[in-house]
């Protein structure tokens, strides 16, 4: 089935990926390698397509057909394109399509930590970050500030959750990422695996022995992993203990810490490979 299909029956099973399936069902409805995610906005969908993600169907407002949505349709090939009035689609998805276009896409093949780290010099390692806004923002900072890859603890949220993809502005398709081990491996065996790949692990964590981040001076050839913890408690004590260094962003006015996404941006800039500065 392909071509333009007017949305008149909101109970059409073909539309359930946009409204009635949970994120977990989208991931697991078929075999894991055939799971679905939803990309929102023309820019994000284009980035996903350029990264090799396969489109399944499009959902867009009628007005988009004569604009960017029409050009996007040409890029997606022979797939169903569901169109409808703004108010009809809002009743289907539960919110107005502020970007006008959604695309259901096949999940890309999962990478291994070794693949992500192969040619990397700067890696972000995220522990149990579950807020999709923070996760998306960290990916956007990673892409902008020279982080070569992102590794996720087993308890981290999925970077392909709709809100994470949207907040990242599609950079989840630009920065390679992978899960680092299973729950039973975290953190000691997982970080041992990372160190075996040649990385020094620096924990963003408060403590008397924490080093101001501007005093940690890795060289351009050094392989550095920057660890950031969950929004509430930060990194687990056993994770910090398994790292090679503990670093902090110096604070003023008695503030003890930044939001994890803001702290990540500061850390990525301060610890970037300095040779990249001229290209920014």
Protein backbone atom coordinates (compact mmCIF):
# COMPACT_ATOMS: atom_id res chain seq x y z
CA UNK A 1 0.00 0.00 0.00
CA UNK A 2 1.43 3.41 -0.96
CA UNK A 3 0.45 6.86 -2.18
CA UNK A 4 -1.51 9.66 -0.50
CA UNK A 5 -4.22 8.51 1.89
CA UNK A 6 -6.67 10.97 3.43
CA UNK A 7 -7.15 10.46 7.15
CA UNK A 8 -10.87 10.15 7.81
CA UNK A 9 -11.07 7.08 10.03
CA UNK A 10 -9.00 7.56 13.17
CA UNK A 11 -9.42 3.90 14.08
CA UNK A 12 -7.43 2.77 11.03
CA UNK A 13 -4.86 0.23 12.37
CA UNK A 14 -2.24 1.70 10.05
CA UNK A 15 -2.27 4.87 12.16
CA UNK A 16 -1.69 3.22 15.54
CA UNK A 17 2.07 3.77 15.39
CA UNK A 18 1.38 7.51 15.62
CA UNK A 19 -1.09 7.45 18.47
CA UNK A 20 -2.00 4.19 20.14
CA UNK A 21 1.26 2.29 20.60
CA UNK A 22 3.48 3.06 23.56
CA UNK A 23 7.17 3.73 23.03
CA UNK A 24 7.93 0.24 24.37
CA UNK A 25 5.48 -1.29 21.90
CA UNK A 26 7.07 0.65 19.06
CA UNK A 27 10.45 -0.83 19.99
CA UNK A 28 9.29 -4.38 20.50
CA UNK A 29 6.15 -4.93 18.45
CA UNK A 30 8.18 -6.91 15.92
CA UNK A 31 11.63 -8.38 16.34
CA UNK A 32 13.86 -5.79 18.10
CA UNK A 33 15.83 -5.16 14.91
CA UNK A 34 12.57 -4.26 13.16
CA UNK A 35 11.30 -1.88 15.84
CA UNK A 36 9.85 1.51 14.98
CA UNK A 37 10.57 5.05 16.13
CA UNK A 38 8.86 8.33 15.26
CA UNK A 39 10.78 11.27 13.80
CA UNK A 40 9.18 14.71 13.87
CA UNK A 41 9.83 17.69 11.55
CA UNK A 42 11.28 17.82 8.05
CA UNK A 43 14.81 18.59 9.29
CA UNK A 44 14.92 15.66 11.72
CA UNK A 45 13.42 13.25 9.19
CA UNK A 46 15.99 14.29 6.59
CA UNK A 47 18.84 13.65 9.04
CA UNK A 48 17.39 10.23 9.84
CA UNK A 49 17.15 9.40 6.14
CA UNK A 50 20.74 10.54 5.54
CA UNK A 51 21.81 8.27 8.42
CA UNK A 52 20.25 5.31 6.61
CA UNK A 53 17.02 4.91 8.60
CA UNK A 54 14.27 3.35 6.51
CA UNK A 55 10.89 5.16 6.43
CA UNK A 56 7.68 3.18 6.91
CA UNK A 57 5.03 5.88 6.49
CA UNK A 58 4.47 9.63 6.74
CA UNK A 59 1.76 11.56 8.55
CA UNK A 60 1.36 15.22 7.65
CA UNK A 61 -1.05 18.12 7.46
CA UNK A 62 -2.58 18.73 4.04
CA UNK A 63 -0.80 22.04 3.69
CA UNK A 64 2.57 20.30 3.87
CA UNK A 65 2.01 18.47 0.59
CA UNK A 66 2.63 21.62 -1.40
CA UNK A 67 5.63 22.60 0.72
CA UNK A 68 8.52 20.82 2.39
CA UNK A 69 6.40 17.74 3.00
CA UNK A 70 6.07 17.21 -0.72
CA UNK A 71 9.84 17.28 -1.20
CA UNK A 72 10.25 14.96 1.75
CA UNK A 73 7.76 12.54 0.25
CA UNK A 74 9.96 12.27 -2.84
CA UNK A 75 12.94 11.34 -0.65
CA UNK A 76 11.02 8.62 1.18
CA UNK A 77 10.09 6.59 -1.86
CA UNK A 78 7.04 4.38 -2.25
CA UNK A 79 5.50 4.49 1.24
CA UNK A 80 2.02 5.46 2.50
CA UNK A 81 1.54 9.18 3.14
CA UNK A 82 -1.35 9.92 5.49
CA UNK A 83 -2.71 13.47 5.26
CA UNK A 84 -5.45 15.33 7.08
CA UNK A 85 -6.56 18.65 8.44
CA UNK A 86 -4.66 20.03 11.42
CA UNK A 87 -7.55 19.54 13.85
CA UNK A 88 -8.16 15.95 12.69
CA UNK A 89 -4.52 14.98 13.15
CA UNK A 90 -4.42 16.69 16.54
CA UNK A 91 -7.31 14.50 17.67
CA UNK A 92 -5.36 11.45 16.50
CA UNK A 93 -1.98 12.21 18.06
CA UNK A 94 -3.25 14.15 21.08
CA UNK A 95 -1.34 17.31 20.16
CA UNK A 96 -0.97 19.72 17.26
CA UNK A 97 1.79 18.81 14.82
CA UNK A 98 3.78 21.99 15.35
CA UNK A 99 6.28 20.82 12.71
CA UNK A 100 3.55 19.52 10.45
CA UNK A 101 5.13 16.14 9.65
CA UNK A 102 5.77 12.83 11.43
CA UNK A 103 7.55 9.81 9.99
CA UNK A 104 7.47 6.25 11.30
CA UNK A 105 10.89 4.73 10.66
CA UNK A 106 12.69 1.44 11.21
CA UNK A 107 15.18 1.50 14.05
CA UNK A 108 18.78 1.37 12.79
CA UNK A 109 20.94 -1.61 13.67
CA UNK A 110 22.37 -1.29 17.16
CA UNK A 111 26.09 -0.50 17.45
CA UNK A 112 28.48 -2.02 19.95
CA UNK A 113 30.52 0.03 22.39
CA UNK A 114 33.64 -1.10 20.54
CA UNK A 115 32.29 0.26 17.26
CA UNK A 116 31.45 3.62 18.84
CA UNK A 117 34.88 3.89 20.48
CA UNK A 118 37.01 2.62 17.60
CA UNK A 119 38.30 5.99 16.37
CA UNK A 120 37.06 8.18 19.21
CA UNK A 121 39.05 10.49 21.44
CA UNK A 122 36.18 11.97 23.44
CA UNK A 123 33.24 9.86 24.65
CA UNK A 124 30.28 10.78 26.86
CA UNK A 125 29.09 8.02 29.20
CA UNK A 126 25.59 8.56 30.61
CA UNK A 127 24.38 6.74 33.71
CA UNK A 128 20.64 6.29 34.29
CA UNK A 129 19.58 9.54 32.61
CA UNK A 130 15.86 9.10 32.09
CA UNK A 131 14.62 12.59 31.25
CA UNK A 132 14.27 12.68 27.46
CA UNK A 133 14.73 16.46 27.33
CA UNK A 134 18.11 16.16 29.07
CA UNK A 135 19.06 13.19 26.92
CA UNK A 136 18.21 15.01 23.69
CA UNK A 137 20.06 18.13 24.84
CA UNK A 138 23.18 16.11 25.69
CA UNK A 139 23.19 14.59 22.21
CA UNK A 140 22.87 18.04 20.67
CA UNK A 141 25.82 19.32 22.73
CA UNK A 142 27.79 16.18 21.86
CA UNK A 143 27.33 16.83 18.15
CA UNK A 144 28.14 20.52 18.42
CA UNK A 145 31.13 20.31 20.76
CA UNK A 146 33.21 17.52 19.34
CA UNK A 147 32.16 14.44 21.31
CA UNK A 148 32.80 11.42 19.12
CA UNK A 149 30.25 9.05 20.64
CA UNK A 150 27.84 8.43 23.50
CA UNK A 151 27.65 5.29 25.63
CA UNK A 152 24.58 4.60 27.77
CA UNK A 153 24.18 2.64 30.96
CA UNK A 154 21.46 -0.04 30.91
CA UNK A 155 19.19 2.30 32.88
CA UNK A 156 19.35 5.23 30.46
CA UNK A 157 16.35 6.25 28.39
CA UNK A 158 16.23 5.33 24.71
CA UNK A 159 17.72 8.09 22.51
CA UNK A 160 15.10 7.26 19.85
CA UNK A 161 12.15 8.18 22.08
CA UNK A 162 10.16 10.81 20.21
CA UNK A 163 10.89 13.68 22.59
CA UNK A 164 14.60 12.89 22.81
CA UNK A 165 14.87 12.86 19.02
CA UNK A 166 12.97 16.16 18.79
CA UNK A 167 15.02 17.95 21.47
CA UNK A 168 18.25 16.69 19.93
CA UNK A 169 17.22 18.27 16.61
CA UNK A 170 18.10 14.98 14.95
CA UNK A 171 21.66 14.83 16.28
CA UNK A 172 20.94 11.35 17.67
CA UNK A 173 21.51 10.34 14.05
CA UNK A 174 24.82 12.20 13.81
CA UNK A 175 26.56 10.99 16.97
CA UNK A 176 27.13 7.21 17.21
CA UNK A 177 25.84 5.63 20.42
CA UNK A 178 25.55 2.26 22.08
CA UNK A 179 24.61 0.59 25.35
CA UNK A 180 27.62 -0.21 27.54
CA UNK A 181 26.94 -3.66 29.01
CA UNK A 182 23.98 -5.23 30.75
CA UNK A 183 22.59 -4.35 34.19
CA UNK A 184 24.77 -6.99 35.85
CA UNK A 185 27.88 -5.45 34.26
CA UNK A 186 27.29 -1.93 35.53
CA UNK A 187 29.39 -0.16 36.56
CA UNK A 188 32.59 -2.06 37.32
CA UNK A 189 32.80 -4.53 34.43
CA UNK A 190 31.37 -2.00 31.99
CA UNK A 191 33.94 0.65 32.88
CA UNK A 192 36.67 -1.99 32.84
CA UNK A 193 35.64 -2.72 29.27
CA UNK A 194 35.90 0.99 28.46
CA UNK A 195 39.35 1.27 30.02
CA UNK A 196 40.50 -1.77 28.08
CA UNK A 197 39.72 0.26 24.96
CA UNK A 198 42.25 2.85 26.12
CA UNK A 199 40.00 5.44 27.76
CA UNK A 200 40.61 7.41 30.93
CA UNK A 201 37.31 7.75 32.82
CA UNK A 202 36.56 11.14 34.38
CA UNK A 203 33.49 11.31 36.64
CA UNK A 204 31.51 14.55 36.90
CA UNK A 205 30.91 14.34 40.64
CA UNK A 206 31.04 16.49 43.75
CA UNK A 207 33.60 15.64 46.41
CA UNK A 208 36.49 17.01 48.43
CA UNK A 209 38.99 15.50 46.05
CA UNK A 210 37.18 16.68 42.90
CA UNK A 211 39.38 18.57 40.49
CA UNK A 212 38.13 21.78 38.86
CA UNK A 213 37.40 20.82 35.28
CA UNK A 214 39.76 23.42 33.84
CA UNK A 215 42.66 21.76 35.70
CA UNK A 216 42.16 18.46 33.88
CA UNK A 217 44.18 18.85 30.71
CA UNK A 218 43.98 15.83 28.45
CA UNK A 219 46.11 15.99 25.33
CA UNK A 220 44.70 15.78 21.80
CA UNK A 221 45.78 12.15 21.52
CA UNK A 222 44.35 11.14 24.91
CA UNK A 223 41.17 9.07 24.94
CA UNK A 224 38.84 10.53 27.54
CA UNK A 225 35.43 9.31 28.71
CA UNK A 226 33.30 11.91 30.53
CA UNK A 227 30.78 10.31 32.89
CA UNK A 228 27.52 12.07 33.78
CA UNK A 229 24.91 10.77 36.21
CA UNK A 230 21.21 10.76 36.71
CA UNK A 231 19.29 14.00 37.20
CA UNK A 232 18.63 13.55 40.93
CA UNK A 233 21.51 11.78 42.61
CA UNK A 234 24.26 12.06 40.04
CA UNK A 235 26.66 9.20 39.51
CA UNK A 236 26.50 6.19 41.81
CA UNK A 237 29.32 6.05 44.40
CA UNK A 238 30.58 2.76 42.95
CA UNK A 239 30.70 4.36 39.49
CA UNK A 240 32.76 7.27 40.79
CA UNK A 241 35.09 4.86 42.58
CA UNK A 242 35.63 2.95 39.33
CA UNK A 243 36.74 6.11 37.49
CA UNK A 244 40.26 7.48 37.17
CA UNK A 245 39.44 11.07 38.11
CA UNK A 246 36.66 13.13 39.67
CA UNK A 247 35.94 16.55 38.17
CA UNK A 248 33.55 19.45 38.82
CA UNK A 249 32.50 22.69 37.19
CA UNK A 250 33.39 25.41 39.75
CA UNK A 251 30.24 27.12 41.04
CA UNK A 252 29.46 30.60 42.41
CA UNK A 253 26.86 31.99 44.85
CA UNK A 254 26.62 28.75 46.78
CA UNK A 255 25.12 26.79 43.88
CA UNK A 256 26.30 23.19 44.12
CA UNK A 257 25.70 21.96 40.59
CA UNK A 258 24.17 22.52 37.16
CA UNK A 259 21.44 20.61 35.39
CA UNK A 260 23.05 17.55 33.82
CA UNK A 261 22.50 18.79 30.27
CA UNK A 262 24.08 22.16 31.08
CA UNK A 263 26.98 20.48 32.90
CA UNK A 264 27.51 18.22 29.90
CA UNK A 265 27.80 21.20 27.54
CA UNK A 266 30.36 22.90 29.78
CA UNK A 267 32.37 19.70 30.13
CA UNK A 268 32.31 18.91 26.42
CA UNK A 269 33.59 22.39 25.57
CA UNK A 270 36.26 22.50 28.26
CA UNK A 271 37.55 18.98 27.55
CA UNK A 272 37.23 19.07 23.77
CA UNK A 273 40.18 18.20 21.55
CA UNK A 274 41.61 21.69 21.31
CA UNK A 275 42.50 21.34 17.63
CA UNK A 276 38.77 21.49 16.83
CA UNK A 277 38.42 25.06 18.19
CA UNK A 278 39.48 26.65 14.92
CA UNK A 279 36.68 24.88 13.06
CA UNK A 280 33.89 26.15 15.34
